[in-house]
Amino acid sequence: MQHERRSGRRHPVLLSVELCQSGKMSMRCRVHNIAPEGMLLENGSGLLSIGSKIELQVSWADCSWTIPATVTHCNTNCIGVMFNERQPLLFRTVTQPPGSIRQPATGQHSIIAKPS
């Protein structure tokens, strides 16, 4: 069982992500809340299990992220995921009101998982 690495409370956001698992399946999920360490996704598919390795495709404004993560809990309507590495830039970008902070440079942000 993985230990919780959340350092602060999660923040609600209006965001959708593409969840991919091993190139086999892809599904669109609504993000319920986010923290730099992970997010809670709303999805009623029930196709994932705890410990599943996934990849999240996130787009916001002119930026996009590819984030490896692990499913930490799931039930009939929600999936909790922990990012393999903290995502402070993603967190700051999607939780700040538009125009309240300087937007990051346009581009692709790709976070690669460290070898276990």
N, C-alpha and C. Protein backbone atom coordinates (compact mmCIF):
# COMPACT_ATOMS: atom_id res chain seq x y z
N MET A 1 0.84 -1.18 0.00
CA MET A 1 0.00 0.00 0.00
C MET A 1 0.89 1.24 0.00
N GLN A 2 0.55 2.22 -0.82
CA GLN A 2 1.33 3.44 -0.90
C GLN A 2 0.91 4.39 0.21
N HIS A 3 1.89 5.18 0.65
CA HIS A 3 1.61 6.16 1.70
C HIS A 3 1.15 7.46 1.07
N GLU A 4 0.25 8.13 1.73
CA GLU A 4 -0.26 9.41 1.27
C GLU A 4 0.87 10.43 1.29
N ARG A 5 1.03 11.18 0.20
CA ARG A 5 2.06 12.21 0.12
C ARG A 5 1.45 13.60 0.01
N ARG A 6 0.18 13.73 0.27
CA ARG A 6 -0.48 15.02 0.13
C ARG A 6 0.03 15.96 1.22
N SER A 7 0.47 17.16 0.82
CA SER A 7 1.01 18.10 1.79
C SER A 7 0.00 19.18 2.17
N GLY A 8 -1.04 19.33 1.39
CA GLY A 8 -2.04 20.35 1.68
C GLY A 8 -3.39 19.86 1.22
N ARG A 9 -4.39 20.67 1.45
CA ARG A 9 -5.72 20.23 1.04
C ARG A 9 -5.90 20.37 -0.47
N ARG A 10 -6.82 19.61 -0.98
CA ARG A 10 -7.09 19.64 -2.42
C ARG A 10 -8.03 20.81 -2.73
N HIS A 11 -7.94 21.28 -3.96
CA HIS A 11 -8.75 22.40 -4.40
C HIS A 11 -9.68 21.96 -5.53
N PRO A 12 -10.96 22.36 -5.47
CA PRO A 12 -11.88 22.02 -6.56
C PRO A 12 -11.49 22.78 -7.83
N VAL A 13 -11.64 22.14 -8.98
CA VAL A 13 -11.33 22.78 -10.27
C VAL A 13 -12.34 22.33 -11.32
N LEU A 14 -12.48 23.13 -12.35
CA LEU A 14 -13.30 22.75 -13.51
C LEU A 14 -12.33 22.35 -14.61
N LEU A 15 -12.12 21.06 -14.75
CA LEU A 15 -11.11 20.56 -15.65
C LEU A 15 -11.44 19.12 -16.03
N SER A 16 -11.15 18.75 -17.25
CA SER A 16 -11.26 17.36 -17.69
C SER A 16 -9.89 16.89 -18.12
N VAL A 17 -9.62 15.59 -17.95
CA VAL A 17 -8.35 15.00 -18.36
C VAL A 17 -8.62 13.73 -19.14
N GLU A 18 -7.65 13.33 -19.91
CA GLU A 18 -7.69 12.05 -20.61
C GLU A 18 -6.85 11.08 -19.80
N LEU A 19 -7.45 9.97 -19.40
CA LEU A 19 -6.76 8.96 -18.60
C LEU A 19 -6.44 7.79 -19.52
N CYS A 20 -5.16 7.41 -19.57
CA CYS A 20 -4.72 6.30 -20.42
C CYS A 20 -4.05 5.24 -19.55
N GLN A 21 -4.29 3.99 -19.88
CA GLN A 21 -3.65 2.89 -19.16
C GLN A 21 -3.00 1.95 -20.15
N SER A 22 -1.68 1.85 -20.10
CA SER A 22 -0.91 0.90 -20.91
C SER A 22 -1.26 0.94 -22.39
N GLY A 23 -1.66 2.07 -22.90
CA GLY A 23 -2.02 2.16 -24.30
C GLY A 23 -3.25 1.35 -24.67
N LYS A 24 -3.86 0.67 -23.70
CA LYS A 24 -5.01 -0.20 -23.97
C LYS A 24 -6.32 0.56 -23.96
N MET A 25 -6.46 1.45 -23.00
CA MET A 25 -7.74 2.16 -22.90
C MET A 25 -7.49 3.62 -22.64
N SER A 26 -8.44 4.40 -23.03
CA SER A 26 -8.39 5.83 -22.82
C SER A 26 -9.81 6.29 -22.49
N MET A 27 -9.92 7.13 -21.48
CA MET A 27 -11.25 7.66 -21.13
C MET A 27 -11.12 9.08 -20.63
N ARG A 28 -12.16 9.84 -20.87
CA ARG A 28 -12.23 11.22 -20.42
C ARG A 28 -12.79 11.22 -19.01
N CYS A 29 -12.16 11.99 -18.11
CA CYS A 29 -12.62 12.09 -16.72
C CYS A 29 -12.69 13.55 -16.31
N ARG A 30 -13.65 13.87 -15.49
CA ARG A 30 -13.75 15.19 -14.90
C ARG A 30 -12.94 15.20 -13.61
N VAL A 31 -12.14 16.25 -13.43
CA VAL A 31 -11.36 16.39 -12.21
C VAL A 31 -12.26 17.00 -11.14
N HIS A 32 -12.39 16.32 -10.02
CA HIS A 32 -13.20 16.82 -8.91
C HIS A 32 -12.37 17.79 -8.07
N ASN A 33 -11.14 17.40 -7.73
CA ASN A 33 -10.24 18.29 -7.01
C ASN A 33 -8.80 17.90 -7.30
N ILE A 34 -7.87 18.81 -6.95
CA ILE A 34 -6.47 18.61 -7.28
C ILE A 34 -5.59 19.11 -6.15
N ALA A 35 -4.44 18.48 -5.98
CA ALA A 35 -3.36 18.90 -5.09
C ALA A 35 -2.07 18.73 -5.89
N PRO A 36 -0.96 19.29 -5.46
CA PRO A 36 0.29 19.09 -6.19
C PRO A 36 0.69 17.62 -6.29
N GLU A 37 0.17 16.77 -5.39
CA GLU A 37 0.54 15.36 -5.35
C GLU A 37 -0.40 14.44 -6.10
N GLY A 38 -1.62 14.91 -6.42
CA GLY A 38 -2.58 14.03 -7.08
C GLY A 38 -3.91 14.69 -7.32
N MET A 39 -4.89 13.89 -7.75
CA MET A 39 -6.22 14.44 -8.01
C MET A 39 -7.28 13.36 -7.83
N LEU A 40 -8.51 13.81 -7.64
CA LEU A 40 -9.66 12.93 -7.56
C LEU A 40 -10.46 13.13 -8.84
N LEU A 41 -10.69 12.02 -9.55
CA LEU A 41 -11.38 12.06 -10.83
C LEU A 41 -12.76 11.45 -10.69
N GLU A 42 -13.73 12.05 -11.35
CA GLU A 42 -15.08 11.49 -11.39
C GLU A 42 -15.20 10.64 -12.65
N ASN A 43 -15.53 9.36 -12.47
CA ASN A 43 -15.72 8.47 -13.60
C ASN A 43 -16.38 7.21 -13.10
N GLY A 44 -17.43 6.80 -13.75
CA GLY A 44 -18.17 5.63 -13.30
C GLY A 44 -17.82 4.35 -14.04
N SER A 45 -16.64 4.30 -14.67
CA SER A 45 -16.33 3.13 -15.48
C SER A 45 -16.04 1.88 -14.65
N GLY A 46 -15.41 2.04 -13.49
CA GLY A 46 -15.08 0.90 -12.66
C GLY A 46 -14.06 -0.04 -13.28
N LEU A 47 -13.29 0.41 -14.27
CA LEU A 47 -12.36 -0.45 -14.99
C LEU A 47 -10.95 -0.49 -14.39
N LEU A 48 -10.67 0.35 -13.41
CA LEU A 48 -9.33 0.41 -12.84
C LEU A 48 -9.32 -0.19 -11.44
N SER A 49 -8.13 -0.58 -11.01
CA SER A 49 -7.98 -1.11 -9.66
C SER A 49 -6.84 -0.38 -8.96
N ILE A 50 -6.82 -0.45 -7.65
CA ILE A 50 -5.77 0.19 -6.86
C ILE A 50 -4.42 -0.36 -7.31
N GLY A 51 -3.47 0.54 -7.50
CA GLY A 51 -2.14 0.16 -7.94
C GLY A 51 -1.95 0.24 -9.45
N SER A 52 -3.02 0.45 -10.20
CA SER A 52 -2.91 0.57 -11.66
C SER A 52 -2.03 1.76 -12.02
N LYS A 53 -1.13 1.55 -12.97
CA LYS A 53 -0.26 2.62 -13.49
C LYS A 53 -0.99 3.26 -14.66
N ILE A 54 -1.12 4.58 -14.60
CA ILE A 54 -1.85 5.31 -15.63
C ILE A 54 -1.03 6.51 -16.09
N GLU A 55 -1.53 7.16 -17.12
CA GLU A 55 -0.95 8.40 -17.60
C GLU A 55 -2.10 9.37 -17.82
N LEU A 56 -1.93 10.60 -17.37
CA LEU A 56 -2.96 11.62 -17.51
C LEU A 56 -2.50 12.66 -18.53
N GLN A 57 -3.38 12.97 -19.47
CA GLN A 57 -3.13 14.02 -20.45
C GLN A 57 -3.98 15.22 -20.01
N VAL A 58 -3.30 16.31 -19.68
CA VAL A 58 -3.99 17.50 -19.16
C VAL A 58 -3.71 18.67 -20.10
N SER A 59 -4.77 19.37 -20.49
CA SER A 59 -4.62 20.58 -21.30
C SER A 59 -5.31 21.73 -20.59
N TRP A 60 -4.64 22.87 -20.57
CA TRP A 60 -5.19 24.06 -19.92
C TRP A 60 -4.64 25.27 -20.66
N ALA A 61 -5.52 26.11 -21.16
CA ALA A 61 -5.12 27.26 -21.97
C ALA A 61 -4.25 26.75 -23.12
N ASP A 62 -3.04 27.27 -23.25
CA ASP A 62 -2.14 26.85 -24.33
C ASP A 62 -1.10 25.84 -23.87
N CYS A 63 -1.28 25.26 -22.70
CA CYS A 63 -0.30 24.33 -22.14
C CYS A 63 -0.87 22.93 -22.05
N SER A 64 0.01 21.95 -22.08
CA SER A 64 -0.43 20.57 -21.88
C SER A 64 0.63 19.82 -21.07
N TRP A 65 0.18 18.84 -20.32
CA TRP A 65 1.04 18.02 -19.47
C TRP A 65 0.73 16.56 -19.74
N THR A 66 1.75 15.73 -19.66
CA THR A 66 1.61 14.28 -19.67
C THR A 66 2.17 13.82 -18.34
N ILE A 67 1.32 13.24 -17.49
CA ILE A 67 1.70 12.95 -16.11
C ILE A 67 1.48 11.48 -15.77
N PRO A 68 2.55 10.74 -15.48
CA PRO A 68 2.39 9.37 -15.00
C PRO A 68 1.86 9.40 -13.56
N ALA A 69 0.99 8.47 -13.23
CA ALA A 69 0.38 8.44 -11.91
C ALA A 69 -0.02 7.01 -11.57
N THR A 70 -0.42 6.82 -10.31
CA THR A 70 -0.86 5.52 -9.82
C THR A 70 -2.22 5.67 -9.16
N VAL A 71 -3.12 4.74 -9.40
CA VAL A 71 -4.44 4.76 -8.76
C VAL A 71 -4.26 4.38 -7.30
N THR A 72 -4.73 5.25 -6.39
CA THR A 72 -4.60 4.98 -4.95
C THR A 72 -5.90 4.50 -4.34
N HIS A 73 -7.02 4.87 -4.93
CA HIS A 73 -8.31 4.34 -4.49
C HIS A 73 -9.33 4.53 -5.61
N CYS A 74 -10.33 3.68 -5.60
CA CYS A 74 -11.39 3.80 -6.60
C CYS A 74 -12.66 3.17 -6.06
N ASN A 75 -13.78 3.70 -6.52
CA ASN A 75 -15.08 3.13 -6.22
C ASN A 75 -15.95 3.28 -7.46
N THR A 76 -17.23 3.15 -7.33
CA THR A 76 -18.09 3.15 -8.51
C THR A 76 -18.15 4.47 -9.25
N ASN A 77 -17.77 5.58 -8.60
CA ASN A 77 -17.86 6.85 -9.31
C ASN A 77 -16.63 7.75 -9.22
N CYS A 78 -15.59 7.36 -8.47
CA CYS A 78 -14.41 8.20 -8.32
C CYS A 78 -13.12 7.38 -8.38
N ILE A 79 -12.07 8.04 -8.86
CA ILE A 79 -10.74 7.44 -8.92
C ILE A 79 -9.77 8.43 -8.29
N GLY A 80 -9.06 8.01 -7.26
CA GLY A 80 -8.02 8.84 -6.65
C GLY A 80 -6.68 8.46 -7.25
N VAL A 81 -5.90 9.44 -7.70
CA VAL A 81 -4.60 9.15 -8.28
C VAL A 81 -3.52 9.97 -7.59
N MET A 82 -2.34 9.37 -7.49
CA MET A 82 -1.17 10.06 -6.96
C MET A 82 -0.16 10.18 -8.10
N PHE A 83 0.28 11.40 -8.36
CA PHE A 83 1.27 11.62 -9.40
C PHE A 83 2.59 10.97 -8.99
N ASN A 84 3.35 10.46 -9.96
CA ASN A 84 4.65 9.88 -9.66
C ASN A 84 5.62 10.93 -9.13
N GLU A 85 5.44 12.16 -9.58
CA GLU A 85 6.22 13.30 -9.09
C GLU A 85 5.25 14.46 -8.83
N ARG A 86 5.56 15.26 -7.82
CA ARG A 86 4.72 16.44 -7.52
C ARG A 86 4.59 17.32 -8.77
N GLN A 87 3.44 17.97 -8.90
CA GLN A 87 3.15 18.82 -10.06
C GLN A 87 2.78 20.24 -9.61
N PRO A 88 3.72 20.98 -9.01
CA PRO A 88 3.37 22.31 -8.52
C PRO A 88 2.99 23.29 -9.62
N LEU A 89 3.61 23.20 -10.81
CA LEU A 89 3.26 24.12 -11.90
C LEU A 89 1.84 23.86 -12.39
N LEU A 90 1.49 22.62 -12.59
CA LEU A 90 0.12 22.27 -12.98
C LEU A 90 -0.86 22.78 -11.93
N PHE A 91 -0.59 22.48 -10.66
CA PHE A 91 -1.47 22.89 -9.57
C PHE A 91 -1.67 24.40 -9.56
N ARG A 92 -0.58 25.17 -9.61
CA ARG A 92 -0.69 26.64 -9.60
C ARG A 92 -1.46 27.13 -10.81
N THR A 93 -1.19 26.55 -11.98
CA THR A 93 -1.82 27.00 -13.22
C THR A 93 -3.33 26.81 -13.19
N VAL A 94 -3.80 25.64 -12.77
CA VAL A 94 -5.24 25.36 -12.86
C VAL A 94 -6.04 25.84 -11.65
N THR A 95 -5.38 26.26 -10.57
CA THR A 95 -6.14 26.71 -9.39
C THR A 95 -6.20 28.22 -9.24
N GLN A 96 -5.47 28.95 -10.06
CA GLN A 96 -5.49 30.41 -9.97
C GLN A 96 -6.52 30.98 -10.93
N PRO A 97 -7.21 32.04 -10.50
CA PRO A 97 -8.16 32.68 -11.42
C PRO A 97 -7.43 33.23 -12.65
N PRO A 98 -8.10 33.23 -13.81
CA PRO A 98 -7.45 33.73 -15.03
C PRO A 98 -6.92 35.15 -14.82
N GLY A 99 -5.70 35.39 -15.27
CA GLY A 99 -5.11 36.71 -15.18
C GLY A 99 -4.51 37.06 -13.84
N SER A 100 -4.66 36.20 -12.82
CA SER A 100 -4.15 36.54 -11.49
C SER A 100 -2.68 36.22 -11.31
N ILE A 101 -2.15 35.34 -12.16
CA ILE A 101 -0.72 35.06 -12.12
C ILE A 101 -0.20 35.08 -13.55
N ARG A 102 1.10 35.23 -13.67
CA ARG A 102 1.70 35.19 -14.99
C ARG A 102 1.55 33.79 -15.54
N GLN A 103 1.03 33.67 -16.73
CA GLN A 103 0.83 32.37 -17.37
C GLN A 103 2.17 31.76 -17.73
N PRO A 104 2.33 30.45 -17.59
CA PRO A 104 3.57 29.81 -18.00
C PRO A 104 3.74 29.89 -19.51
N ALA A 105 4.96 29.71 -19.95
CA ALA A 105 5.23 29.73 -21.38
C ALA A 105 4.40 28.66 -22.07
N THR A 106 3.91 29.00 -23.24
CA THR A 106 3.14 28.04 -24.03
C THR A 106 4.01 26.85 -24.36
N GLY A 107 3.43 25.66 -24.28
CA GLY A 107 4.20 24.49 -24.67
C GLY A 107 3.74 23.22 -24.02
N GLN A 108 4.52 22.20 -24.24
CA GLN A 108 4.23 20.86 -23.74
C GLN A 108 5.08 20.61 -22.51
N HIS A 109 4.47 20.17 -21.43
CA HIS A 109 5.18 19.80 -20.22
C HIS A 109 5.05 18.29 -20.08
N SER A 110 6.15 17.63 -20.10
CA SER A 110 6.10 16.18 -20.01
C SER A 110 6.91 15.74 -18.80
N ILE A 111 6.27 15.08 -17.89
CA ILE A 111 6.92 14.59 -16.69
C ILE A 111 7.15 13.09 -16.87
N ILE A 112 8.37 12.69 -16.82
CA ILE A 112 8.71 11.28 -17.00
C ILE A 112 8.93 10.66 -15.63
N ALA A 113 8.38 9.48 -15.43
CA ALA A 113 8.51 8.78 -14.15
C ALA A 113 9.95 8.37 -13.93
N LYS A 114 10.41 8.52 -12.69
CA LYS A 114 11.73 8.03 -12.32
C LYS A 114 11.68 6.52 -12.21
N PRO A 115 12.78 5.84 -12.58
CA PRO A 115 12.79 4.37 -12.45
C PRO A 115 12.59 3.97 -10.99
N SER A 116 11.88 2.87 -10.77
CA SER A 116 11.62 2.41 -9.41
C SER A 116 12.85 1.79 -8.82
